[in-house]
Each structure stands twice: as structure tokens, then as C-alpha cells.
PDB file of N, CA and C in Angstrom:
ATOM      1  N   MET A   1     170.164  57.879  48.277  1.00  0.00           N
ATOM      2  CA  MET A   1     170.357  58.393  49.755  1.00  0.00           C
ATOM      3  C   MET A   1     171.437  59.086  49.561  1.00  0.00           C
ATOM      4  N   GLU A   2     171.403  60.711  50.407  1.00  0.00           N
ATOM      5  CA  GLU A   2     172.658  61.591  50.318  1.00  0.00           C
ATOM      6  C   GLU A   2     173.292  61.140  51.597  1.00  0.00           C
ATOM      7  N   PRO A   3     174.758  61.312  51.443  1.00  0.00           N
ATOM      8  CA  PRO A   3     175.895  61.090  52.478  1.00  0.00           C
ATOM      9  C   PRO A   3     175.530  61.778  53.719  1.00  0.00           C
ATOM     10  N   LEU A   4     174.765  62.866  54.042  1.00  0.00           N
ATOM     11  CA  LEU A   4     174.581  63.818  55.215  1.00  0.00           C
ATOM     12  C   LEU A   4     173.463  62.672  55.771  1.00  0.00           C
ATOM     13  N   GLN A   5     172.292  61.911  54.883  1.00  0.00           N
ATOM     14  CA  GLN A   5     171.344  61.236  55.639  1.00  0.00           C
ATOM     15  C   GLN A   5     171.806  60.089  56.178  1.00  0.00           C
ATOM     16  N   ILE A   6     172.871  59.471  55.606  1.00  0.00           N
ATOM     17  CA  ILE A   6     173.454  58.313  55.996  1.00  0.00           C
ATOM     18  C   ILE A   6     174.069  58.639  57.499  1.00  0.00           C
ATOM     19  N   VAL A   7     174.842  59.721  57.439  1.00  0.00           N
ATOM     20  CA  VAL A   7     175.580  60.193  58.590  1.00  0.00           C
ATOM     21  C   VAL A   7     174.376  60.397  60.130  1.00  0.00           C
ATOM     22  N   ALA A   8     173.267  61.340  59.315  1.00  0.00           N
ATOM     23  CA  ALA A   8     172.450  61.246  60.666  1.00  0.00           C
ATOM     24  C   ALA A   8     171.571  59.939  61.093  1.00  0.00           C
ATOM     25  N   ILE A   9     171.707  59.017  60.177  1.00  0.00           N
ATOM     26  CA  ILE A   9     171.039  57.992  60.571  1.00  0.00           C
ATOM     27  C   ILE A   9     172.401  57.384  61.819  1.00  0.00           C
ATOM     28  N   ILE A  10     173.436  57.320  61.091  1.00  0.00           N
ATOM     29  CA  ILE A  10     174.392  56.645  62.271  1.00  0.00           C
ATOM     30  C   ILE A  10     174.355  57.086  63.442  1.00  0.00           C
ATOM     31  N   LEU A  11     174.376  58.812  63.799  1.00  0.00           N
ATOM     32  CA  LEU A  11     174.586  59.442  64.664  1.00  0.00           C
ATOM     33  C   LEU A  11     173.078  59.040  65.449  1.00  0.00           C
ATOM     34  N   ALA A  12     171.940  58.995  65.199  1.00  0.00           N
ATOM     35  CA  ALA A  12     170.766  58.709  65.637  1.00  0.00           C
ATOM     36  C   ALA A  12     170.603  57.466  66.097  1.00  0.00           C
ATOM     37  N   SER A  13     171.475  56.542  65.611  1.00  0.00           N
ATOM     38  CA  SER A  13     171.551  55.354  65.967  1.00  0.00           C
ATOM     39  C   SER A  13     172.689  55.032  67.155  1.00  0.00           C
ATOM     40  N   LEU A  14     173.538  55.944  67.169  1.00  0.00           N
ATOM     41  CA  LEU A  14     174.776  55.926  68.211  1.00  0.00           C
ATOM     42  C   LEU A  14     174.287  56.702  69.507  1.00  0.00           C
ATOM     43  N   LEU A  15     172.867  57.517  69.005  1.00  0.00           N
ATOM     44  CA  LEU A  15     172.428  58.283  70.406  1.00  0.00           C
ATOM     45  C   LEU A  15     171.674  57.470  70.889  1.00  0.00           C
ATOM     46  N   ILE A  16     170.833  56.467  70.348  1.00  0.00           N
ATOM     47  CA  ILE A  16     169.920  55.048  70.650  1.00  0.00           C
ATOM     48  C   ILE A  16     170.989  54.600  71.838  1.00  0.00           C
ATOM     49  N   ILE A  17     171.947  54.194  71.154  1.00  0.00           N
ATOM     50  CA  ILE A  17     172.479  52.983  71.730  1.00  0.00           C
ATOM     51  C   ILE A  17     173.070  53.562  73.289  1.00  0.00           C
ATOM     52  N   ASP A  18     173.547  55.042  72.885  1.00  0.00           N
ATOM     53  CA  ASP A  18     174.208  55.908  74.386  1.00  0.00           C
ATOM     54  C   ASP A  18     173.057  56.263  74.996  1.00  0.00           C
ATOM     55  N   SER A  19     172.067  56.126  74.573  1.00  0.00           N
ATOM     56  CA  SER A  19     170.851  56.555  75.791  1.00  0.00           C
ATOM     57  C   SER A  19     170.537  55.262  76.646  1.00  0.00           C
ATOM     58  N   GLY A  20     170.657  54.119  76.243  1.00  0.00           N
ATOM     59  CA  GLY A  20     170.375  52.908  76.737  1.00  0.00           C
ATOM     60  C   GLY A  20     171.528  52.582  77.773  1.00  0.00           C
ATOM     61  N   VAL A  21     172.781  52.865  77.425  1.00  0.00           N
ATOM     62  CA  VAL A  21     173.805  52.638  78.418  1.00  0.00           C
ATOM     63  C   VAL A  21     173.812  53.642  79.426  1.00  0.00           C
ATOM     64  N   LEU A  22     173.510  54.838  79.055  1.00  0.00           N
ATOM     65  CA  LEU A  22     173.138  55.786  80.100  1.00  0.00           C
ATOM     66  C   LEU A  22     172.092  55.478  81.593  1.00  0.00           C
ATOM     67  N   VAL A  23     170.769  54.985  80.643  1.00  0.00           N
ATOM     68  CA  VAL A  23     169.938  54.451  81.256  1.00  0.00           C
ATOM     69  C   VAL A  23     170.284  53.140  82.358  1.00  0.00           C
ATOM     70  N   TRP A  24     171.040  52.585  81.822  1.00  0.00           N
ATOM     71  CA  TRP A  24     171.590  51.011  82.521  1.00  0.00           C
ATOM     72  C   TRP A  24     172.677  51.385  83.548  1.00  0.00           C
ATOM     73  N   ALA A  25     173.359  52.489  83.191  1.00  0.00           N
ATOM     74  CA  ALA A  25     174.479  52.803  84.464  1.00  0.00           C
ATOM     75  C   ALA A  25     173.626  53.754  85.472  1.00  0.00           C
ATOM     76  N   VAL A  26     172.577  54.476  85.355  1.00  0.00           N
ATOM     77  CA  VAL A  26     171.853  55.087  86.428  1.00  0.00           C
ATOM     78  C   VAL A  26     171.231  54.308  87.021  1.00  0.00           C
ATOM     79  N   MET A  27     170.553  52.964  86.138  1.00  0.00           N
ATOM     80  CA  MET A  27     169.992  52.504  87.106  1.00  0.00           C
ATOM     81  C   MET A  27     170.445  51.366  87.931  1.00  0.00           C
ATOM     82  N   LYS A  28     171.991  50.917  87.734  1.00  0.00           N
ATOM     83  CA  LYS A  28     172.734  50.034  88.250  1.00  0.00           C
ATOM     84  C   LYS A  28     173.445  51.061  89.532  1.00  0.00           C
ATOM     85  N   GLN A  29     173.756  52.179  89.649  1.00  0.00           N
ATOM     86  CA  GLN A  29     173.806  52.970  91.028  1.00  0.00           C
ATOM     87  C   GLN A  29     173.004  53.097  92.058  1.00  0.00           C
ATOM     88  N   LYS A  30     173.806  53.084  93.045  1.00  0.00           N
ATOM     89  CA  LYS A  30     172.916  53.229  94.370  1.00  0.00           C
ATOM     90  C   LYS A  30     172.741  54.361  94.738  1.00  0.00           C
ATOM     91  N   GLY A  31     171.623  55.172  95.593  1.00  0.00           N
ATOM     92  CA  GLY A  31     171.250  56.327  95.951  1.00  0.00           C
ATOM     93  C   GLY A  31     172.473  57.033  96.867  1.00  0.00           C
ATOM     94  N   THR A  32     172.420  58.067  96.459  1.00  0.00           N
ATOM     95  CA  THR A  32     173.786  58.770  97.788  1.00  0.00           C
ATOM     96  C   THR A  32     173.001  59.507  98.725  1.00  0.00           C
ATOM     97  N   THR A  33     171.713  59.382  99.061  1.00  0.00           N
ATOM     98  CA  THR A  33     170.917  59.518 100.417  1.00  0.00           C
ATOM     99  C   THR A  33     171.117  58.710 101.284  1.00  0.00           C
ATOM    100  N   GLU A  34     171.345  59.405 102.546  1.00  0.00           N
ATOM    101  CA  GLU A  34     171.572  58.383 103.756  1.00  0.00           C
ATOM    102  C   GLU A  34     170.385  58.282 104.788  1.00  0.00           C
ATOM    103  N   GLY A  35     169.397  58.815 104.488  1.00  0.00           N
ATOM    104  CA  GLY A  35     167.767  59.039 105.230  1.00  0.00           C
ATOM    105  C   GLY A  35     168.112  60.223 106.203  1.00  0.00           C
ATOM    106  N   LEU A  36     167.563  59.749 107.246  1.00  0.00           N
ATOM    107  CA  LEU A  36     167.417  61.370 108.529  1.00  0.00           C
ATOM    108  C   LEU A  36     169.165  61.323 108.887  1.00  0.00           C
ATOM    109  N   GLY A  37     169.847  60.023 108.905  1.00  0.00           N
ATOM    110  CA  GLY A  37     171.401  60.280 109.597  1.00  0.00           C
ATOM    111  C   GLY A  37     172.158  61.408 108.838  1.00  0.00           C
ATOM    112  N   SER A  38     171.646  61.544 107.331  1.00  0.00           N
ATOM    113  CA  SER A  38     172.511  62.751 106.853  1.00  0.00           C
ATOM    114  C   SER A  38     172.233  64.067 107.367  1.00  0.00           C
ATOM    115  N   ILE A  39     171.036  64.329 107.801  1.00  0.00           N
ATOM    116  CA  ILE A  39     170.495  65.773 108.742  1.00  0.00           C
ATOM    117  C   ILE A  39     171.702  66.307 109.556  1.00  0.00           C
ATOM    118  N   MET A  40     172.031  65.443 110.585  1.00  0.00           N
ATOM    119  CA  MET A  40     172.964  65.834 111.555  1.00  0.00           C
ATOM    120  C   MET A  40     174.289  65.828 111.251  1.00  0.00           C
ATOM    121  N   GLY A  41     174.772  65.493 110.315  1.00  0.00           N
ATOM    122  CA  GLY A  41     176.009  65.322 109.615  1.00  0.00           C
ATOM    123  C   GLY A  41     176.327  63.857 109.954  1.00  0.00           C
ATOM    124  N   GLY A  42     175.714  63.106 109.702  1.00  0.00           N
ATOM    125  CA  GLY A  42     176.155  61.496 109.797  1.00  0.00           C
ATOM    126  C   GLY A  42     176.536  60.874 108.517  1.00  0.00           C
ATOM    127  N   SER A  43     177.088  61.534 107.743  1.00  0.00           N
ATOM    128  CA  SER A  43     178.048  60.711 106.630  1.00  0.00           C
ATOM    129  C   SER A  43     179.476  60.745 107.054  1.00  0.00           C
ATOM    130  N   ASN A  44     180.012  59.407 106.642  1.00  0.00           N
ATOM    131  CA  ASN A  44     181.109  59.147 106.888  1.00  0.00           C
ATOM    132  C   ASN A  44     182.269  58.805 105.848  1.00  0.00           C
ATOM    133  N   THR A  45     182.610  59.756 105.152  1.00  0.00           N
ATOM    134  CA  THR A  45     183.653  59.797 104.024  1.00  0.00           C
ATOM    135  C   THR A  45     184.873  58.975 104.430  1.00  0.00           C
ATOM    136  N   ASP A  46     185.325  58.888 105.535  1.00  0.00           N
ATOM    137  CA  ASP A  46     186.713  59.018 105.659  1.00  0.00           C
ATOM    138  C   ASP A  46     187.037  57.463 106.243  1.00  0.00           C
ATOM    139  N   SER A  47     185.914  56.558 105.523  1.00  0.00           N
ATOM    140  CA  SER A  47     186.177  55.658 105.520  1.00  0.00           C
ATOM    141  C   SER A  47     186.934  54.904 104.243  1.00  0.00           C
ATOM    142  N   PHE A  48     187.366  53.501 104.104  1.00  0.00           N
ATOM    143  CA  PHE A  48     188.352  52.951 103.259  1.00  0.00           C
ATOM    144  C   PHE A  48     187.236  53.004 101.507  1.00  0.00           C
ATOM    145  N   LEU A  49     186.136  52.988 101.850  1.00  0.00           N
ATOM    146  CA  LEU A  49     185.655  53.001 100.499  1.00  0.00           C
ATOM    147  C   LEU A  49     185.331  54.116  99.812  1.00  0.00           C
ATOM    148  N   GLY A  50     185.152  55.279 101.244  1.00  0.00           N
ATOM    149  CA  GLY A  50     184.872  56.491 100.791  1.00  0.00           C
ATOM    150  C   GLY A  50     186.153  57.093 100.062  1.00  0.00           C
ATOM    151  N   ARG A  51     187.293  56.808 100.722  1.00  0.00           N
ATOM    152  CA  ARG A  51     188.576  57.314  99.871  1.00  0.00           C
ATOM    153  C   ARG A  51     188.655  56.490  98.465  1.00  0.00           C
ATOM    154  N   ASN A  52     188.135  55.381  98.461  1.00  0.00           N
ATOM    155  CA  ASN A  52     188.751  54.807  96.935  1.00  0.00           C
ATOM    156  C   ASN A  52     187.709  54.676  96.078  1.00  0.00           C
ATOM    157  N   LYS A  53     186.651  55.689  96.243  1.00  0.00           N
ATOM    158  CA  LYS A  53     185.352  55.402  95.888  1.00  0.00           C
ATOM    159  C   LYS A  53     185.592  55.304  94.217  1.00  0.00           C
ATOM    160  N   THR A  54     186.784  55.805  93.679  1.00  0.00           N
ATOM    161  CA  THR A  54     187.153  55.938  91.855  1.00  0.00           C
ATOM    162  C   THR A  54     187.509  54.633  91.676  1.00  0.00           C
ATOM    163  N   ARG A  55     188.055  54.315  92.502  1.00  0.00           N
ATOM    164  CA  ARG A  55     188.417  52.401  92.153  1.00  0.00           C
ATOM    165  C   ARG A  55     187.399  51.358  92.269  1.00  0.00           C
ATOM    166  N   SER A  56     186.090  51.686  92.863  1.00  0.00           N
ATOM    167  CA  SER A  56     185.347  50.831  93.014  1.00  0.00           C
ATOM    168  C   SER A  56     184.299  50.536  91.867  1.00  0.00           C
ATOM    169  N   ALA A  57     183.541  49.789  91.965  1.00  0.00           N
ATOM    170  CA  ALA A  57     182.457  49.294  90.696  1.00  0.00           C
ATOM    171  C   ALA A  57     181.261  50.887  90.879  1.00  0.00           C
ATOM    172  N   GLU A  58     181.371  51.442  92.308  1.00  0.00           N
ATOM    173  CA  GLU A  58     180.339  52.604  91.863  1.00  0.00           C
ATOM    174  C   GLU A  58     181.093  53.686  91.486  1.00  0.00           C
ATOM    175  N   GLY A  59     182.286  53.792  91.422  1.00  0.00           N
ATOM    176  CA  GLY A  59     183.156  54.983  90.872  1.00  0.00           C
ATOM    177  C   GLY A  59     183.020  54.781  89.512  1.00  0.00           C
ATOM    178  N   LYS A  60     183.240  53.420  88.757  1.00  0.00           N
ATOM    179  CA  LYS A  60     183.382  53.088  87.494  1.00  0.00           C
ATOM    180  C   LYS A  60     181.992  53.522  87.065  1.00  0.00           C
ATOM    181  N   LEU A  61     180.743  53.292  87.653  1.00  0.00           N
ATOM    182  CA  LEU A  61     179.508  53.365  87.253  1.00  0.00           C
ATOM    183  C   LEU A  61     179.166  54.857  86.893  1.00  0.00           C
ATOM    184  N   ALA A  62     179.874  55.561  87.947  1.00  0.00           N
ATOM    185  CA  ALA A  62     179.609  57.131  87.862  1.00  0.00           C
ATOM    186  C   ALA A  62     180.635  57.912  86.732  1.00  0.00           C
ATOM    187  N   LEU A  63     181.721  56.987  86.662  1.00  0.00           N
ATOM    188  CA  LEU A  63     182.587  57.316  85.421  1.00  0.00           C
ATOM    189  C   LEU A  63     181.675  56.907  83.903  1.00  0.00           C
ATOM    190  N   VAL A  64     181.291  56.063  83.853  1.00  0.00           N
ATOM    191  CA  VAL A  64     180.180  55.692  82.625  1.00  0.00           C
ATOM    192  C   VAL A  64     179.452  56.664  82.919  1.00  0.00           C
ATOM    193  N   THR A  65     178.581  56.943  83.852  1.00  0.00           N
ATOM    194  CA  THR A  65     177.528  57.943  83.524  1.00  0.00           C
ATOM    195  C   THR A  65     177.861  59.215  83.163  1.00  0.00           C
ATOM    196  N   LYS A  66     178.997  59.563  83.543  1.00  0.00           N
ATOM    197  CA  LYS A  66     179.427  61.267  83.170  1.00  0.00           C
ATOM    198  C   LYS A  66     179.998  60.933  81.505  1.00  0.00           C
ATOM    199  N   VAL A  67     180.704  59.916  81.556  1.00  0.00           N
ATOM    200  CA  VAL A  67     181.085  60.027  79.754  1.00  0.00           C
ATOM    201  C   VAL A  67     179.750  59.822  78.839  1.00  0.00           C
ATOM    202  N   SER A  68     179.124  58.900  79.431  1.00  0.00           N
ATOM    203  CA  SER A  68     177.826  58.706  78.553  1.00  0.00           C
ATOM    204  C   SER A  68     177.315  59.886  78.132  1.00  0.00           C
ATOM    205  N   VAL A  69     177.077  61.004  79.245  1.00  0.00           N
ATOM    206  CA  VAL A  69     176.293  62.441  79.062  1.00  0.00           C
ATOM    207  C   VAL A  69     176.906  63.103  78.057  1.00  0.00           C
ATOM    208  N   ILE A  70     178.238  63.387  78.288  1.00  0.00           N
ATOM    209  CA  ILE A  70     179.117  63.794  77.376  1.00  0.00           C
ATOM    210  C   ILE A  70     178.876  63.414  76.182  1.00  0.00           C
ATOM    211  N   ILE A  71     178.933  62.305  75.795  1.00  0.00           N
ATOM    212  CA  ILE A  71     178.842  61.727  74.389  1.00  0.00           C
ATOM    213  C   ILE A  71     177.243  61.942  73.880  1.00  0.00           C
ATOM    214  N   ILE A  72     176.239  61.948  74.791  1.00  0.00           N
ATOM    215  CA  ILE A  72     174.592  62.163  74.276  1.00  0.00           C
ATOM    216  C   ILE A  72     174.555  63.614  74.028  1.00  0.00           C
ATOM    217  N   VAL A  73     175.244  64.606  74.902  1.00  0.00           N
ATOM    218  CA  VAL A  73     175.191  66.238  74.412  1.00  0.00           C
ATOM    219  C   VAL A  73     176.002  66.453  73.050  1.00  0.00           C
ATOM    220  N   ALA A  74     177.144  65.603  72.613  1.00  0.00           N
ATOM    221  CA  ALA A  74     177.514  65.808  71.679  1.00  0.00           C
ATOM    222  C   ALA A  74     177.196  65.341  70.531  1.00  0.00           C
ATOM    223  N   LEU A  75     176.660  64.087  70.353  1.00  0.00           N
ATOM    224  CA  LEU A  75     175.944  63.414  69.484  1.00  0.00           C
ATOM    225  C   LEU A  75     174.488  64.069  68.916  1.00  0.00           C
ATOM    226  N   ALA A  76     173.693  64.678  70.195  1.00  0.00           N
ATOM    227  CA  ALA A  76     172.352  65.469  70.015  1.00  0.00           C
ATOM    228  C   ALA A  76     173.075  66.867  69.155  1.00  0.00           C
ATOM    229  N   LEU A  77     173.793  67.397  69.412  1.00  0.00           N
ATOM    230  CA  LEU A  77     174.316  68.733  68.836  1.00  0.00           C
ATOM    231  C   LEU A  77     174.854  68.568  67.480  1.00  0.00           C
ATOM    232  N   ALA A  78     175.717  67.370  67.221  1.00  0.00           N
ATOM    233  CA  ALA A  78     176.094  67.108  65.993  1.00  0.00           C
ATOM    234  C   ALA A  78     174.692  67.044  64.732  1.00  0.00           C
ATOM    235  N   LEU A  79     173.659  66.150  65.338  1.00  0.00           N
ATOM    236  CA  LEU A  79     172.819  65.653  64.881  1.00  0.00           C
ATOM    237  C   LEU A  79     171.679  66.807  64.594  1.00  0.00           C
ATOM    238  N   SER A  80     171.857  67.804  65.522  1.00  0.00           N
ATOM    239  CA  SER A  80     171.006  69.042  65.351  1.00  0.00           C
ATOM    240  C   SER A  80     171.693  69.675  64.220  1.00  0.00           C
ATOM    241  N   VAL A  81     173.070  69.708  63.941  1.00  0.00           N
ATOM    242  CA  VAL A  81     173.569  70.570  62.948  1.00  0.00           C
ATOM    243  C   VAL A  81     173.161  69.853  61.679  1.00  0.00           C
ATOM    244  N   ILE A  82     173.565  68.717  61.509  1.00  0.00           N
ATOM    245  CA  ILE A  82     173.142  68.259  60.405  1.00  0.00           C
ATOM    246  C   ILE A  82     171.971  68.045  59.760  1.00  0.00           C
ATOM    247  N   VAL A  83     171.308  67.738  60.642  1.00  0.00           N
ATOM    248  CA  VAL A  83     169.616  67.832  60.098  1.00  0.00           C
ATOM    249  C   VAL A  83     169.306  69.305  59.739  1.00  0.00           C
ATOM    250  N   ALA A  84     169.829  70.118  60.235  1.00  0.00           N
ATOM    251  CA  ALA A  84     169.495  71.853  59.874  1.00  0.00           C
ATOM    252  C   ALA A  84     169.936  72.035  58.580  1.00  0.00           C
ATOM    253  N   ILE A  85     171.199  71.511  57.967  1.00  0.00           N
ATOM    254  CA  ILE A  85     171.429  71.956  56.735  1.00  0.00           C
ATOM    255  C   ILE A  85     170.556  71.077  55.645  1.00  0.00           C
ATOM    256  N   PRO A  86     170.091  72.326  54.824  1.00  0.00           N
ATOM    257  CA  PRO A  86     169.374  72.168  53.769  1.00  0.00           C
ATOM    258  C   PRO A  86     169.918  71.048  52.791  1.00  0.00           C
ATOM    259  N   LEU A  87     168.990  69.964  52.019  1.00  0.00           N
ATOM    260  CA  LEU A  87     169.211  69.312  51.148  1.00  0.00           C
ATOM    261  C   LEU A  87     169.738  69.728  49.820  1.00  0.00           C
ATOM    262  N   ALA A  88     170.250  69.758  49.294  1.00  0.00           N
ATOM    263  CA  ALA A  88     170.278  70.455  47.699  1.00  0.00           C
ATOM    264  C   ALA A  88     169.570  69.839  46.543  1.00  0.00           C
TER     265      ALA A  88
END
């Protein structure tokens, strides 16, 4: 087995694991829509929870989602470059 094939298998495995993490993080988050109350400007972000959103569990899940997406893009690009290299 070529070293590039081993690297490709490792990257593909990491991509699958990270995809699972992304699905989990998105499914755990609550929706941001507020229904009909948001039409007339009914959102209230001046509350304690609105100001400290990054410290809450929802903020941490949003951070996990963003990091996971960045990792998926990087792994997909690296995997596509490695697969495109012809084997000698």
C-alpha cells in the first residue's frame, strides 16, 4: 500500500467522523426563527441570554458547528488534492 493511499484513508475517516460531529451539533441547536413575532421586530436580544450567548451551551454548539465546517472544507480539499496525484 502506497503512503498516499494510507493518508487518503486517514483523511477520509476523519472526514466521516467530522461529518458526524457536524450533524450532531446542528441537530442539537435550537431554531433561530421566532415565528410571526419576528415580522414586527419582536426579537429581544437585550436580555441576559442574548448578551451572553457565546458563553451559553447554544453559543458553544454554534462554535462547534463553525469549527466543524472549517475542518470539513480543509479535509475535503486535502483529500481531493491527494486523490488527484497520480500513483507511480
